[in-house]
């Protein structure tokens, strides 16, 4: 009868065998993806020809200087003012009803279109014409909206003083 197995030895690969296996795997990947690799090399060649790789390399070499310049530019007063305006505008818009903003925007667009149609009308507008026009329900609605807008704005300005 055969002698019983008392231990199992795991075969360790040598460094040369591991390297050879990696090279074989890489060779298989290269063969399977030849078209993709050719495209990548073509793109890299074009980037090199137009100087983009050199520019990217120079930017990486000067990354600390670029960061200093960017931070200095971002901390200038005009930039911080723009950021503050954007944040304030976002705050205002988020507190308003989206449907009202949409309706107001479409009303402004319609008003601009109507005004453009009458832009070349050189007929003088008299005071009596203004009074007659107020009887038009559309104009009356817009004037009322504008007056109440100004009243609300005036109240808010007074509270801030």
N, C-alpha and C. Protein backbone atom coordinates (compact mmCIF):
# COMPACT_ATOMS: atom_id res chain seq x y z
N UNK A 1 0.82 -1.18 0.00
CA UNK A 1 0.00 0.00 0.00
C UNK A 1 0.87 1.25 0.00
N UNK A 2 0.32 2.35 -0.54
CA UNK A 2 1.10 3.58 -0.64
C UNK A 2 1.12 4.30 0.70
N UNK A 3 2.13 5.10 0.89
CA UNK A 3 2.26 5.86 2.13
C UNK A 3 1.25 7.01 2.13
N UNK A 4 0.60 7.28 3.25
CA UNK A 4 -0.40 8.37 3.31
C UNK A 4 0.27 9.74 3.14
N UNK A 5 -0.52 10.70 2.55
CA UNK A 5 -0.02 12.07 2.38
C UNK A 5 -0.19 12.79 3.71
N UNK A 6 0.88 13.31 4.22
CA UNK A 6 0.83 13.97 5.52
C UNK A 6 0.99 15.47 5.43
N UNK A 7 1.47 15.94 4.29
CA UNK A 7 1.60 17.39 4.14
C UNK A 7 1.42 17.75 2.67
N UNK A 8 0.90 18.99 2.47
CA UNK A 8 0.70 19.49 1.11
C UNK A 8 1.62 20.68 0.93
N UNK A 9 2.42 20.60 -0.09
CA UNK A 9 3.35 21.71 -0.37
C UNK A 9 2.79 22.56 -1.50
N UNK A 10 2.72 23.84 -1.26
CA UNK A 10 2.29 24.77 -2.29
C UNK A 10 3.50 25.17 -3.10
N UNK A 11 3.37 25.07 -4.41
CA UNK A 11 4.48 25.40 -5.27
C UNK A 11 4.57 26.92 -5.42
N UNK A 12 5.66 27.49 -5.05
CA UNK A 12 5.90 28.93 -5.17
C UNK A 12 6.51 29.21 -6.53
N UNK A 13 5.98 30.26 -7.19
CA UNK A 13 6.55 30.66 -8.48
C UNK A 13 7.77 31.53 -8.22
N UNK A 14 8.75 31.36 -9.07
CA UNK A 14 9.93 32.20 -8.97
C UNK A 14 9.62 33.58 -9.54
N UNK A 15 10.47 34.51 -9.28
CA UNK A 15 10.28 35.88 -9.78
C UNK A 15 10.26 35.89 -11.30
N UNK A 16 11.11 35.09 -11.92
CA UNK A 16 11.15 35.01 -13.39
C UNK A 16 9.85 34.44 -13.95
N UNK A 17 9.28 33.45 -13.27
CA UNK A 17 8.02 32.86 -13.73
C UNK A 17 6.87 33.87 -13.62
N UNK A 18 6.84 34.64 -12.52
CA UNK A 18 5.79 35.68 -12.35
C UNK A 18 5.94 36.75 -13.41
N UNK A 19 7.16 37.15 -13.68
CA UNK A 19 7.41 38.16 -14.70
C UNK A 19 6.99 37.65 -16.07
N UNK A 20 7.33 36.40 -16.37
CA UNK A 20 6.97 35.81 -17.66
C UNK A 20 5.45 35.71 -17.80
N UNK A 21 4.74 35.38 -16.72
CA UNK A 21 3.28 35.28 -16.76
C UNK A 21 2.67 36.67 -17.01
N UNK A 22 3.20 37.69 -16.35
CA UNK A 22 2.70 39.05 -16.56
C UNK A 22 2.93 39.50 -17.99
N UNK A 23 4.10 39.17 -18.53
CA UNK A 23 4.40 39.52 -19.92
C UNK A 23 3.46 38.81 -20.89
N UNK A 24 3.17 37.57 -20.63
CA UNK A 24 2.24 36.82 -21.48
C UNK A 24 0.83 37.41 -21.41
N UNK A 25 0.39 37.76 -20.20
CA UNK A 25 -0.94 38.39 -20.03
C UNK A 25 -0.99 39.72 -20.77
N UNK A 26 0.07 40.52 -20.62
CA UNK A 26 0.12 41.82 -21.30
C UNK A 26 0.14 41.65 -22.81
N UNK A 27 0.86 40.67 -23.29
CA UNK A 27 0.92 40.40 -24.73
C UNK A 27 -0.47 40.01 -25.25
N UNK A 28 -1.21 39.22 -24.48
CA UNK A 28 -2.57 38.85 -24.86
C UNK A 28 -3.49 40.07 -24.91
N UNK A 29 -3.37 40.97 -23.92
CA UNK A 29 -4.17 42.20 -23.90
C UNK A 29 -3.85 43.08 -25.11
N UNK A 30 -2.58 43.18 -25.43
CA UNK A 30 -2.18 43.99 -26.58
C UNK A 30 -2.76 43.43 -27.87
N UNK A 31 -2.73 42.12 -28.00
CA UNK A 31 -3.26 41.48 -29.22
C UNK A 31 -4.78 41.64 -29.31
N UNK A 32 -5.47 41.54 -28.17
CA UNK A 32 -6.93 41.65 -28.15
C UNK A 32 -7.42 43.07 -28.40
N UNK A 33 -6.61 44.07 -28.04
CA UNK A 33 -7.05 45.47 -28.12
C UNK A 33 -6.18 46.29 -29.07
N UNK A 34 -5.75 45.69 -30.13
CA UNK A 34 -4.84 46.36 -31.06
C UNK A 34 -5.46 47.64 -31.63
N UNK A 35 -6.72 47.58 -32.05
CA UNK A 35 -7.36 48.74 -32.67
C UNK A 35 -7.48 49.90 -31.68
N UNK A 36 -7.86 49.59 -30.44
CA UNK A 36 -8.00 50.63 -29.42
C UNK A 36 -6.64 51.26 -29.12
N UNK A 37 -5.61 50.43 -29.02
CA UNK A 37 -4.27 50.95 -28.75
C UNK A 37 -3.78 51.84 -29.88
N UNK A 38 -4.04 51.45 -31.12
CA UNK A 38 -3.65 52.29 -32.26
C UNK A 38 -4.35 53.64 -32.19
N UNK A 39 -5.62 53.66 -31.79
CA UNK A 39 -6.35 54.92 -31.65
C UNK A 39 -5.74 55.78 -30.56
N UNK A 40 -5.40 55.15 -29.43
CA UNK A 40 -4.78 55.90 -28.33
C UNK A 40 -3.45 56.50 -28.76
N UNK A 41 -2.63 55.70 -29.44
CA UNK A 41 -1.34 56.21 -29.90
C UNK A 41 -1.52 57.33 -30.91
N UNK A 42 -2.53 57.23 -31.75
CA UNK A 42 -2.81 58.28 -32.72
C UNK A 42 -3.20 59.58 -32.01
N UNK A 43 -4.06 59.47 -31.00
CA UNK A 43 -4.48 60.65 -30.24
C UNK A 43 -3.29 61.27 -29.52
N UNK A 44 -2.49 60.46 -28.90
CA UNK A 44 -1.31 60.97 -28.17
C UNK A 44 -0.35 61.65 -29.15
N UNK A 45 -0.19 61.05 -30.34
CA UNK A 45 0.68 61.66 -31.34
C UNK A 45 0.17 63.03 -31.77
N UNK A 46 -1.14 63.15 -31.99
CA UNK A 46 -1.71 64.45 -32.36
C UNK A 46 -1.54 65.47 -31.24
N UNK A 47 -1.78 65.05 -29.99
CA UNK A 47 -1.59 65.95 -28.86
C UNK A 47 -0.14 66.41 -28.77
N UNK A 48 0.78 65.51 -29.03
CA UNK A 48 2.20 65.87 -29.01
C UNK A 48 2.54 66.84 -30.14
N UNK A 49 2.00 66.58 -31.34
CA UNK A 49 2.28 67.46 -32.49
C UNK A 49 1.78 68.88 -32.25
N UNK A 50 0.65 69.02 -31.59
CA UNK A 50 0.12 70.38 -31.38
C UNK A 50 0.65 71.02 -30.10
N UNK A 51 1.49 70.30 -29.37
CA UNK A 51 2.15 70.89 -28.20
C UNK A 51 1.36 70.75 -26.91
N UNK A 52 0.25 70.03 -26.94
CA UNK A 52 -0.58 69.92 -25.75
C UNK A 52 0.10 69.10 -24.66
N UNK A 53 0.84 68.09 -25.04
CA UNK A 53 1.53 67.28 -24.02
C UNK A 53 2.62 68.09 -23.32
N UNK A 54 3.33 68.89 -24.10
CA UNK A 54 4.37 69.74 -23.50
C UNK A 54 3.74 70.77 -22.56
N UNK A 55 2.60 71.34 -22.98
CA UNK A 55 1.91 72.31 -22.13
C UNK A 55 1.42 71.65 -20.84
N UNK A 56 0.87 70.45 -20.95
CA UNK A 56 0.39 69.74 -19.77
C UNK A 56 1.55 69.40 -18.84
N UNK A 57 2.67 68.99 -19.42
CA UNK A 57 3.84 68.67 -18.62
C UNK A 57 4.36 69.92 -17.91
N UNK A 58 4.40 71.04 -18.62
CA UNK A 58 4.85 72.30 -18.01
C UNK A 58 3.91 72.72 -16.89
N UNK A 59 2.60 72.54 -17.11
CA UNK A 59 1.62 72.90 -16.08
C UNK A 59 1.81 72.03 -14.84
N UNK A 60 2.09 70.76 -15.04
CA UNK A 60 2.33 69.87 -13.90
C UNK A 60 3.60 70.27 -13.15
N UNK A 61 4.62 70.69 -13.88
CA UNK A 61 5.86 71.12 -13.24
C UNK A 61 5.65 72.40 -12.42
N UNK A 62 4.77 73.27 -12.90
CA UNK A 62 4.55 74.56 -12.24
C UNK A 62 3.25 74.57 -11.44
N UNK A 63 2.80 73.41 -10.96
CA UNK A 63 1.50 73.31 -10.31
C UNK A 63 1.37 74.22 -9.09
N UNK A 64 2.43 74.37 -8.30
CA UNK A 64 2.35 75.22 -7.11
C UNK A 64 2.19 76.69 -7.50
N UNK A 65 2.93 77.14 -8.50
CA UNK A 65 2.80 78.52 -8.96
C UNK A 65 1.40 78.78 -9.52
N UNK A 66 0.90 77.81 -10.29
CA UNK A 66 -0.44 77.96 -10.87
C UNK A 66 -1.49 78.03 -9.77
N UNK A 67 -1.37 77.20 -8.74
CA UNK A 67 -2.33 77.22 -7.63
C UNK A 67 -2.27 78.56 -6.89
N UNK A 68 -1.06 79.10 -6.69
CA UNK A 68 -0.93 80.40 -6.02
C UNK A 68 -1.63 81.49 -6.83
N UNK A 69 -1.43 81.47 -8.13
CA UNK A 69 -2.06 82.48 -9.00
C UNK A 69 -3.57 82.33 -8.98
N UNK A 70 -4.04 81.08 -9.07
CA UNK A 70 -5.49 80.83 -9.09
C UNK A 70 -6.13 81.28 -7.77
N UNK A 71 -5.49 80.95 -6.66
CA UNK A 71 -6.04 81.37 -5.37
C UNK A 71 -6.03 82.88 -5.21
N UNK A 72 -4.97 83.51 -5.69
CA UNK A 72 -4.91 84.98 -5.61
C UNK A 72 -6.01 85.61 -6.46
N UNK A 73 -6.21 85.09 -7.67
CA UNK A 73 -7.24 85.63 -8.55
C UNK A 73 -8.64 85.39 -7.97
N UNK A 74 -8.86 84.22 -7.38
CA UNK A 74 -10.18 83.89 -6.84
C UNK A 74 -10.51 84.71 -5.60
N UNK A 75 -9.49 85.20 -4.91
CA UNK A 75 -9.76 85.96 -3.68
C UNK A 75 -9.84 87.46 -3.92
N UNK A 76 -9.73 87.89 -5.18
CA UNK A 76 -9.87 89.32 -5.48
C UNK A 76 -11.30 89.78 -5.25
N UNK A 77 -11.47 91.06 -4.94
CA UNK A 77 -12.79 91.60 -4.61
C UNK A 77 -13.82 91.42 -5.73
N UNK A 78 -13.49 91.68 -7.00
CA UNK A 78 -14.53 91.48 -8.03
C UNK A 78 -15.04 90.04 -8.09
N UNK A 79 -14.14 89.08 -7.89
CA UNK A 79 -14.56 87.68 -7.95
C UNK A 79 -15.43 87.35 -6.74
N UNK A 80 -15.04 87.80 -5.57
CA UNK A 80 -15.86 87.53 -4.39
C UNK A 80 -17.20 88.25 -4.50
N UNK A 81 -17.23 89.43 -5.11
CA UNK A 81 -18.51 90.13 -5.31
C UNK A 81 -19.43 89.31 -6.22
N UNK A 82 -18.87 88.78 -7.31
CA UNK A 82 -19.69 87.97 -8.23
C UNK A 82 -20.23 86.75 -7.50
N UNK A 83 -19.38 86.09 -6.71
CA UNK A 83 -19.84 84.92 -5.96
C UNK A 83 -20.94 85.29 -4.98
N UNK A 84 -20.78 86.43 -4.29
CA UNK A 84 -21.82 86.87 -3.36
C UNK A 84 -23.12 87.18 -4.09
N UNK A 85 -23.02 87.80 -5.27
CA UNK A 85 -24.23 88.10 -6.06
C UNK A 85 -24.92 86.80 -6.49
N UNK A 86 -24.12 85.82 -6.92
CA UNK A 86 -24.70 84.55 -7.32
C UNK A 86 -25.41 83.86 -6.16
N UNK A 87 -24.79 83.88 -4.99
CA UNK A 87 -25.41 83.25 -3.82
C UNK A 87 -26.68 83.99 -3.42
N UNK A 88 -26.64 85.32 -3.45
CA UNK A 88 -27.84 86.10 -3.11
C UNK A 88 -28.95 85.85 -4.11
N UNK A 89 -28.61 85.81 -5.39
CA UNK A 89 -29.62 85.54 -6.42
C UNK A 89 -30.21 84.16 -6.24
N UNK A 90 -29.36 83.18 -5.95
CA UNK A 90 -29.86 81.82 -5.73
C UNK A 90 -30.78 81.78 -4.52
N UNK A 91 -30.44 82.54 -3.48
CA UNK A 91 -31.29 82.60 -2.29
C UNK A 91 -32.64 83.23 -2.60
N UNK A 92 -32.62 84.29 -3.38
CA UNK A 92 -33.87 84.96 -3.76
C UNK A 92 -34.73 84.02 -4.59
N UNK A 93 -34.12 83.40 -5.61
CA UNK A 93 -34.88 82.52 -6.49
C UNK A 93 -35.43 81.31 -5.74
N UNK A 94 -34.67 80.79 -4.78
CA UNK A 94 -35.15 79.62 -4.04
C UNK A 94 -36.30 79.95 -3.12
N UNK A 95 -36.43 81.21 -2.72
CA UNK A 95 -37.53 81.59 -1.83
C UNK A 95 -38.79 81.96 -2.60
N UNK A 96 -38.70 82.04 -3.93
CA UNK A 96 -39.85 82.43 -4.73
C UNK A 96 -40.54 81.20 -5.33
N UNK A 97 -41.81 81.37 -5.65
CA UNK A 97 -42.60 80.31 -6.27
C UNK A 97 -42.13 80.12 -7.71
N UNK A 98 -41.70 78.91 -8.08
CA UNK A 98 -41.20 78.67 -9.44
C UNK A 98 -42.23 78.98 -10.52
N UNK A 99 -43.50 78.70 -10.25
CA UNK A 99 -44.54 78.99 -11.24
C UNK A 99 -44.67 80.48 -11.48
N UNK A 100 -44.54 81.27 -10.40
CA UNK A 100 -44.63 82.73 -10.54
C UNK A 100 -43.44 83.26 -11.34
N UNK A 101 -42.26 82.72 -11.08
CA UNK A 101 -41.07 83.15 -11.83
C UNK A 101 -41.23 82.81 -13.31
N UNK A 102 -41.75 81.62 -13.61
CA UNK A 102 -41.96 81.21 -14.99
C UNK A 102 -42.98 82.11 -15.67
N UNK A 103 -44.07 82.42 -14.98
CA UNK A 103 -45.11 83.30 -15.53
C UNK A 103 -44.55 84.70 -15.76
N UNK A 104 -43.76 85.19 -14.82
CA UNK A 104 -43.17 86.52 -14.95
C UNK A 104 -42.19 86.56 -16.12
N UNK A 105 -41.40 85.52 -16.28
CA UNK A 105 -40.43 85.47 -17.38
C UNK A 105 -41.15 85.44 -18.73
N UNK A 106 -42.20 84.65 -18.84
CA UNK A 106 -42.93 84.61 -20.12
C UNK A 106 -43.66 85.93 -20.37
N UNK A 107 -44.12 86.60 -19.31
CA UNK A 107 -44.75 87.91 -19.46
C UNK A 107 -43.76 88.95 -19.95
N UNK A 108 -42.55 88.89 -19.42
CA UNK A 108 -41.51 89.83 -19.86
C UNK A 108 -41.18 89.60 -21.33
N UNK A 109 -41.09 88.33 -21.72
CA UNK A 109 -40.80 88.01 -23.11
C UNK A 109 -41.90 88.52 -24.03
N UNK A 110 -43.15 88.29 -23.65
CA UNK A 110 -44.27 88.78 -24.46
C UNK A 110 -44.27 90.30 -24.52
N UNK A 111 -43.94 90.95 -23.40
CA UNK A 111 -43.89 92.42 -23.38
C UNK A 111 -42.80 92.96 -24.30
N UNK A 112 -41.66 92.31 -24.31
CA UNK A 112 -40.57 92.75 -25.18
C UNK A 112 -40.96 92.58 -26.64
N UNK A 113 -41.62 91.47 -26.96
CA UNK A 113 -42.06 91.24 -28.35
C UNK A 113 -43.07 92.31 -28.78
N UNK A 114 -44.01 92.61 -27.91
CA UNK A 114 -45.02 93.64 -28.22
C UNK A 114 -44.35 95.01 -28.38
N UNK A 115 -43.39 95.32 -27.52
CA UNK A 115 -42.69 96.60 -27.60
C UNK A 115 -41.89 96.69 -28.89
N UNK A 116 -41.27 95.59 -29.32
CA UNK A 116 -40.50 95.59 -30.56
C UNK A 116 -41.39 95.85 -31.76
N UNK A 117 -42.62 95.35 -31.72
CA UNK A 117 -43.55 95.59 -32.82
C UNK A 117 -43.90 97.08 -32.95
N UNK A 118 -43.95 97.76 -31.82
CA UNK A 118 -44.34 99.18 -31.82
C UNK A 118 -43.13 100.13 -31.82
N UNK A 119 -41.94 99.56 -31.93
CA UNK A 119 -40.71 100.36 -31.82
C UNK A 119 -40.61 101.42 -32.91
N UNK A 120 -41.04 101.13 -34.11
CA UNK A 120 -40.89 102.06 -35.23
C UNK A 120 -42.14 102.91 -35.46
N UNK A 121 -43.09 102.81 -34.56
CA UNK A 121 -44.28 103.64 -34.65
C UNK A 121 -43.93 105.02 -34.10
N UNK A 122 -43.88 106.00 -34.96
CA UNK A 122 -43.47 107.35 -34.56
C UNK A 122 -44.63 108.23 -34.13
N UNK A 123 -45.81 107.65 -34.00
CA UNK A 123 -46.98 108.42 -33.61
C UNK A 123 -46.78 108.92 -32.18
N UNK A 124 -46.94 110.23 -31.96
CA UNK A 124 -46.73 110.77 -30.60
C UNK A 124 -47.81 110.28 -29.63
N UNK A 125 -47.43 110.09 -28.39
CA UNK A 125 -48.35 109.64 -27.35
C UNK A 125 -48.71 110.84 -26.49
N UNK A 126 -50.01 111.13 -26.40
CA UNK A 126 -50.49 112.28 -25.62
C UNK A 126 -51.03 111.80 -24.28
N UNK A 127 -51.22 112.74 -23.39
CA UNK A 127 -51.70 112.43 -22.04
C UNK A 127 -53.06 111.76 -22.10
N UNK A 128 -53.94 112.21 -22.97
CA UNK A 128 -55.27 111.63 -23.11
C UNK A 128 -55.16 110.19 -23.60
N UNK A 129 -54.18 109.91 -24.47
CA UNK A 129 -53.95 108.54 -24.94
C UNK A 129 -53.57 107.62 -23.77
N UNK A 130 -52.76 108.14 -22.85
CA UNK A 130 -52.37 107.35 -21.68
C UNK A 130 -53.58 107.00 -20.83
N UNK A 131 -54.47 107.95 -20.63
CA UNK A 131 -55.66 107.69 -19.84
C UNK A 131 -56.57 106.67 -20.53
N UNK A 132 -56.67 106.75 -21.85
CA UNK A 132 -57.51 105.80 -22.60
C UNK A 132 -56.91 104.40 -22.53
N UNK A 133 -55.60 104.32 -22.59
CA UNK A 133 -54.93 103.02 -22.60
C UNK A 133 -55.11 102.30 -21.27
N UNK A 134 -55.28 103.05 -20.18
CA UNK A 134 -55.46 102.42 -18.88
C UNK A 134 -56.76 101.62 -18.81
N UNK A 135 -57.68 101.87 -19.73
CA UNK A 135 -58.93 101.11 -19.76
C UNK A 135 -58.71 99.71 -20.35
N UNK A 136 -57.60 99.52 -21.06
CA UNK A 136 -57.26 98.19 -21.61
C UNK A 136 -56.93 97.27 -20.43
N UNK A 137 -57.64 96.13 -20.28
CA UNK A 137 -57.42 95.27 -19.11
C UNK A 137 -55.98 94.73 -19.00
N UNK A 138 -55.32 94.48 -20.13
CA UNK A 138 -53.95 93.97 -20.07
C UNK A 138 -53.00 95.03 -19.54
N UNK A 139 -53.14 96.23 -20.04
CA UNK A 139 -52.27 97.33 -19.59
C UNK A 139 -52.58 97.66 -18.13
N UNK A 140 -53.85 97.67 -17.78
CA UNK A 140 -54.23 97.97 -16.40
C UNK A 140 -53.64 96.93 -15.45
N UNK A 141 -53.69 95.67 -15.84
CA UNK A 141 -53.13 94.60 -15.01
C UNK A 141 -51.63 94.79 -14.81
N UNK A 142 -50.92 95.13 -15.89
CA UNK A 142 -49.46 95.32 -15.81
C UNK A 142 -49.11 96.54 -14.97
N UNK A 143 -49.89 97.62 -15.12
CA UNK A 143 -49.63 98.84 -14.34
C UNK A 143 -49.88 98.56 -12.85
N UNK A 144 -50.98 97.86 -12.54
CA UNK A 144 -51.27 97.51 -11.15
C UNK A 144 -50.15 96.64 -10.57
N UNK A 145 -49.71 95.66 -11.34
CA UNK A 145 -48.61 94.79 -10.90
C UNK A 145 -47.37 95.63 -10.61
N UNK A 146 -47.02 96.54 -11.54
CA UNK A 146 -45.84 97.38 -11.36
C UNK A 146 -45.95 98.29 -10.16
N UNK A 147 -47.12 98.87 -9.95
CA UNK A 147 -47.31 99.77 -8.80
C UNK A 147 -47.19 99.00 -7.48
N UNK A 148 -47.80 97.83 -7.41
CA UNK A 148 -47.70 97.05 -6.17
C UNK A 148 -46.29 96.49 -5.97
N UNK A 149 -45.62 96.19 -7.05
CA UNK A 149 -44.21 95.79 -6.96
C UNK A 149 -43.38 96.91 -6.35
N UNK A 150 -43.58 98.13 -6.85
CA UNK A 150 -42.84 99.28 -6.33
C UNK A 150 -43.19 99.55 -4.87
N UNK A 151 -44.47 99.36 -4.50
CA UNK A 151 -44.88 99.57 -3.11
C UNK A 151 -44.19 98.57 -2.19
N UNK A 152 -44.19 97.28 -2.58
CA UNK A 152 -43.52 96.27 -1.77
C UNK A 152 -42.03 96.51 -1.67
N UNK A 153 -41.42 96.93 -2.75
CA UNK A 153 -39.99 97.23 -2.75
C UNK A 153 -39.71 98.42 -1.83
N UNK A 154 -40.56 99.43 -1.88
CA UNK A 154 -40.37 100.60 -1.02
C UNK A 154 -40.50 100.24 0.46
N UNK A 155 -41.47 99.38 0.80
CA UNK A 155 -41.63 98.95 2.19
C UNK A 155 -40.37 98.24 2.67
N UNK A 156 -39.84 97.36 1.84
CA UNK A 156 -38.64 96.60 2.22
C UNK A 156 -37.44 97.52 2.37
N UNK A 157 -37.32 98.52 1.49
CA UNK A 157 -36.21 99.47 1.59
C UNK A 157 -36.32 100.30 2.87
N UNK A 158 -37.54 100.63 3.27
CA UNK A 158 -37.74 101.43 4.48
C UNK A 158 -37.35 100.62 5.72
N UNK A 159 -37.67 99.32 5.73
CA UNK A 159 -37.36 98.47 6.89
C UNK A 159 -35.86 98.29 7.06
N UNK A 160 -35.09 98.38 6.00
CA UNK A 160 -33.64 98.19 6.09
C UNK A 160 -32.93 99.42 6.63
N UNK A 161 -33.56 100.57 6.55
CA UNK A 161 -32.90 101.82 6.99
C UNK A 161 -32.71 101.88 8.46
